């Protein structure tokens, strides 16, 4: 990690470093002392500290028999028929780490690996296009076992795999979850997670290791790097600057003290998966109450020296070590900033409203929320005025969020990034882009639970004519995605957030171009 610090930040770092020494922070963190944070059960979520045990895994065969194995031998247990494409069905921390490992580390398996963390019907169709079910591998990953997107996609893929599911599918979940039951009923093998490791802290657990094993990645160097970093993060607090996890955590807390709460992350070699992993870890762990550290993907944005900007260049030469360091630093920053970094109290809120919309859609009532603007009903001048008025409400130290409930095609990404840059220029500050519903499981916590300084532009579209039905649900994936968008929108409005919702009820590309043009 590379970062530059001015005099005020340097002073704030030293102040937070002294505070950490005075509270005996490192010793208390390793002792799992919940009073270091908010004393509300934090000790139950510190299993990721057990780096010496993270390679000890429990595996259940299709007959339900459980066996213990080490991470290095996991690939043998997960061996199945050859495949051309592997789909990882998971949301947030259950999938982002594995996706990064697939991208960053050498693989022995010559196949395509796709993280399917969406309900977007176009994206789902593209992930299934051109591959024979007999040459498809499926991994469903959900800690709770009840994640909506993962459950629906798993049902769809089990239907597609048919009799091949027992050999070609795998479930990763905590013991006793609904996903374990569903997998066992379908004859699918299960690898068990640890209940004391939360999703966004799980990359060095089975949620990262099992998908890596399927890809033929040697996970031992990854765990070795994590163990080395863990040892470094045990160094005593009286040796200033020698504990890398504490130093990073102190930097994050000090930056927040100085108003440098927009953390611009530069990916190594253009690897966006590293930024996405750090983004969900910081935003979901530290975006609560009066605390906000907003991660911003710096790729494509001009360099700058805004008064609220902290630039961090990610240099993960040792990926296992970097995973552990960022997790440890997040725990340190949470303690210094007075928040519980292991919960996500505001993620559930939109899920509740989503379920309400799903039931309405099943009953035949699509029900667009009041306040959503249909693009076809607005003139060019009216759209420019609408967007301009919305951007003019940016609060002090504010930021803009574009929440796009669209597929992540190359064209959509290109246009949405142009929109993001245009918004950043108009407001003179930070602008971020998230695709729905995946961002709901990461930055969505900060949007709803952090300080009310966000300016939200939600973009939705009509489902395609050839929408994908969900087996046994009486719904399509396009309908569920809209229900998730409406749930997100309603909760933002209920929380008093500044939100403008635009529905592209026509050609998506043309609609995005109209929005870009409205910026002037």
Foldseek 3Di string as FASTA:
>chain_A
DDFDDDPLLVVLLVVLLVVCQVVQPLVCVVVLPCVLFPVPPLSLQPPLLPLVCQQWWWKAALVRDIDIDGLQCLLVVLDFDAAAEEEEEDFFLLPLLQVLCVPPFDFPRNHHYYYDDALAQVQLCVRPPPGQLVRYAYEQEDAQQPPPRSVLVVLVNCVRNPLCQLRRYEYEYAPPHPNVVVCSVSSHMYIHWDSNHDRLLDCSHCSNSNSRSNRRGRCVLLSVLLVVLSVQCSDGSVPPPRNLLLSLLSSQLSLVVQLLQEEEEEEDPPSVSVLSSLQQLQQQQFQADATGRHYAHCPPPDDDDDSNHIYDYDDCPRVSSVSNSSNSSSCNNSSSVRHGRRDQVPLCQLVVQLVVCLVCVLVVHNDDDPQAAEPVVADLVRLLVVVVVLLVPQDVSAEEEEEEQHDPDVLVVVLVVLLQNLSCVVNVHHYHYDYPPNCSSGNVSNLQGHDQRYRYEYEEEQRDPPFACRPPRSDTSRSSSVSSSSSSVVSCVVSVHHYHHYYHHDDPSVVSVSSSVSSD
